[in-house]
Amino acid sequence: MNALKIMKSQFRVERIVQIYLGIFLLSNVGVGWLIPLSELKLPHDSEVFITQLWQINLLMPMVKLIEFMAAIMFLFNWKSFLALLIFYPVLFNIVCIGLHFFRSVQYSALMIAGVLYLTWTARHCFKFLIQNGYKQQMHSNR
């Protein structure tokens, strides 16, 4: 009985984290497309840097597409493991820009904590990847 309660509470926490990440990502998808950078009232250095990122033709549209895909996957609890895999590079981007330009330690910490928690709950999926990668490396060294 206690194990069942623990499993249910872990699932609830996992869903809350997924919903938080999904909502955060969906709110961030429109920045640069629907919400012009000039309306964000960013510091001048930040606005120049992010504008230059947008001028690289494929970079920011791909980042926004990945954010959107990960947000939908998190919100609908569909292939959360895959959402984590595609979200890791974007998370690095969000955290680095957030810490450097906006000094937003709390959002960065929440994002990292949420992703680490979801990674821990899906560790059985990552174990499969790590074991296969290790086996392939062992075979290639012979």
Protein backbone atom coordinates (compact mmCIF):
# COMPACT_ATOMS: atom_id res chain seq x y z
CA MET A 1 0.00 0.00 0.00
CA ASN A 2 2.78 2.46 0.91
CA ALA A 3 4.71 1.65 -2.27
CA LEU A 4 1.62 2.46 -4.34
CA LYS A 5 1.22 5.83 -2.59
CA ILE A 6 4.87 6.63 -3.20
CA MET A 7 4.54 5.74 -6.89
CA LYS A 8 1.45 7.92 -7.24
CA SER A 9 3.13 10.88 -5.54
CA GLN A 10 6.24 10.47 -7.73
CA PHE A 11 4.03 10.46 -10.81
CA ARG A 12 2.30 13.64 -9.61
CA VAL A 13 5.61 15.40 -9.04
CA GLU A 14 6.83 14.24 -12.45
CA ARG A 15 3.67 15.60 -14.13
CA ILE A 16 3.98 18.93 -12.29
CA VAL A 17 7.57 19.28 -13.49
CA GLN A 18 6.59 18.33 -17.04
CA ILE A 19 3.74 20.87 -17.03
CA TYR A 20 6.01 23.59 -15.62
CA LEU A 21 8.65 22.96 -18.29
CA GLY A 22 5.99 22.76 -21.01
CA ILE A 23 4.37 26.06 -20.03
CA PHE A 24 7.74 27.79 -19.69
CA LEU A 25 8.82 26.56 -23.12
CA LEU A 26 5.54 27.50 -24.77
CA SER A 27 5.75 30.99 -23.31
CA ASN A 28 9.31 31.27 -24.64
CA VAL A 29 8.53 30.05 -28.17
CA GLY A 30 6.96 33.31 -29.29
CA VAL A 31 9.91 35.49 -28.31
CA GLY A 32 11.45 36.79 -31.51
CA TRP A 33 8.53 35.74 -33.74
CA LEU A 34 5.29 36.85 -32.11
CA ILE A 35 6.89 39.16 -29.57
CA PRO A 36 9.46 41.50 -31.12
CA LEU A 37 12.71 41.80 -29.21
CA SER A 38 12.26 45.57 -28.93
CA GLU A 39 9.12 45.06 -26.80
CA LEU A 40 11.02 43.03 -24.18
CA LYS A 41 12.93 46.13 -22.99
CA LEU A 42 16.19 44.22 -22.84
CA PRO A 43 19.50 45.85 -21.98
CA HIS A 44 21.18 47.11 -25.15
CA ASP A 45 23.94 44.46 -25.12
CA SER A 46 21.39 41.67 -24.72
CA GLU A 47 19.19 42.99 -27.51
CA VAL A 48 22.15 43.29 -29.89
CA PHE A 49 23.36 39.77 -29.10
CA ILE A 50 19.95 38.13 -29.46
CA THR A 51 19.25 40.10 -32.65
CA GLN A 52 22.50 38.78 -34.08
CA LEU A 53 21.46 35.24 -33.14
CA TRP A 54 18.21 35.77 -35.04
CA GLN A 55 20.16 36.98 -38.07
CA ILE A 56 21.76 33.54 -38.35
CA ASN A 57 19.15 32.11 -40.70
CA LEU A 58 18.61 28.65 -39.28
CA LEU A 59 19.76 28.80 -35.65
CA MET A 60 16.92 30.48 -33.77
CA PRO A 61 14.06 29.00 -35.84
CA MET A 62 15.48 25.54 -35.05
CA VAL A 63 15.81 26.41 -31.36
CA LYS A 64 12.20 27.64 -31.30
CA LEU A 65 11.02 24.52 -33.14
CA ILE A 66 12.79 22.30 -30.61
CA GLU A 67 11.32 24.33 -27.74
CA PHE A 68 7.84 23.93 -29.22
CA MET A 69 8.23 20.19 -29.80
CA ALA A 70 9.61 19.61 -26.30
CA ALA A 71 6.83 21.74 -24.76
CA ILE A 72 4.10 19.73 -26.49
CA MET A 73 5.76 16.46 -25.53
CA PHE A 74 6.07 17.55 -21.89
CA LEU A 75 2.53 18.92 -21.66
CA PHE A 76 0.91 15.83 -23.15
CA ASN A 77 3.25 13.41 -21.36
CA TRP A 78 4.22 11.90 -24.70
CA LYS A 79 7.74 10.51 -25.14
CA SER A 80 9.10 12.51 -22.23
CA PHE A 81 12.45 10.75 -22.64
CA LEU A 82 12.74 11.96 -26.23
CA ALA A 83 11.69 15.46 -25.17
CA LEU A 84 14.53 15.47 -22.66
CA LEU A 85 17.04 14.39 -25.29
CA ILE A 86 16.10 17.12 -27.74
CA PHE A 87 15.78 19.69 -24.95
CA TYR A 88 19.28 19.35 -23.43
CA PRO A 89 21.06 21.65 -25.93
CA VAL A 90 18.26 24.21 -25.74
CA LEU A 91 18.39 24.08 -21.95
CA PHE A 92 22.09 24.89 -22.11
CA ASN A 93 21.29 27.86 -24.37
CA ILE A 94 18.46 29.12 -22.14
CA VAL A 95 20.52 28.81 -18.95
CA CYS A 96 23.63 30.48 -20.39
CA ILE A 97 21.70 33.39 -21.89
CA GLY A 98 19.53 33.69 -18.79
CA LEU A 99 22.47 33.77 -16.42
CA HIS A 100 24.66 36.04 -18.51
CA PHE A 101 22.20 38.66 -19.74
CA PHE A 102 19.29 38.57 -17.33
CA ARG A 103 20.95 37.31 -14.12
CA SER A 104 17.94 35.04 -13.70
CA VAL A 105 19.40 32.47 -11.35
CA GLN A 106 16.00 31.33 -10.06
CA TYR A 107 14.64 30.38 -13.51
CA SER A 108 17.87 28.70 -14.48
CA ALA A 109 17.97 26.74 -11.23
CA LEU A 110 14.32 25.68 -11.63
CA MET A 111 14.92 24.56 -15.21
CA ILE A 112 18.02 22.57 -14.31
CA ALA A 113 16.36 21.01 -11.26
CA GLY A 114 13.29 20.06 -13.28
CA VAL A 115 15.30 18.51 -16.09
CA LEU A 116 17.55 16.64 -13.66
CA TYR A 117 14.49 15.28 -11.85
CA LEU A 118 12.88 14.12 -15.10
CA THR A 119 16.20 12.60 -16.19
CA TRP A 120 16.37 10.72 -12.91
CA THR A 121 12.83 9.41 -13.27
CA ALA A 122 13.60 8.28 -16.84
CA ARG A 123 17.02 6.86 -16.01
CA HIS A 124 16.04 3.41 -17.22
CA CYS A 125 15.80 4.86 -20.76
CA PHE A 126 19.19 6.52 -20.49
CA LYS A 127 20.69 3.34 -19.12
CA PHE A 128 19.82 1.61 -22.40
CA LEU A 129 21.62 4.30 -24.40
CA ILE A 130 24.68 4.26 -22.18
CA GLN A 131 24.97 0.47 -22.19
CA ASN A 132 24.64 0.26 -25.99
CA GLY A 133 27.17 3.05 -26.47
CA TYR A 134 29.59 1.30 -24.13
CA LYS A 135 29.17 -2.03 -25.93
CA GLN A 136 29.73 -0.40 -29.33
CA GLN A 137 32.85 1.33 -28.05
CA MET A 138 34.20 -1.95 -26.67
CA HIS A 139 33.65 -3.70 -30.00
CA SER A 140 35.30 -0.89 -31.97
CA ASN A 141 38.42 -1.00 -29.76
CA ARG A 142 39.17 -4.63 -30.67
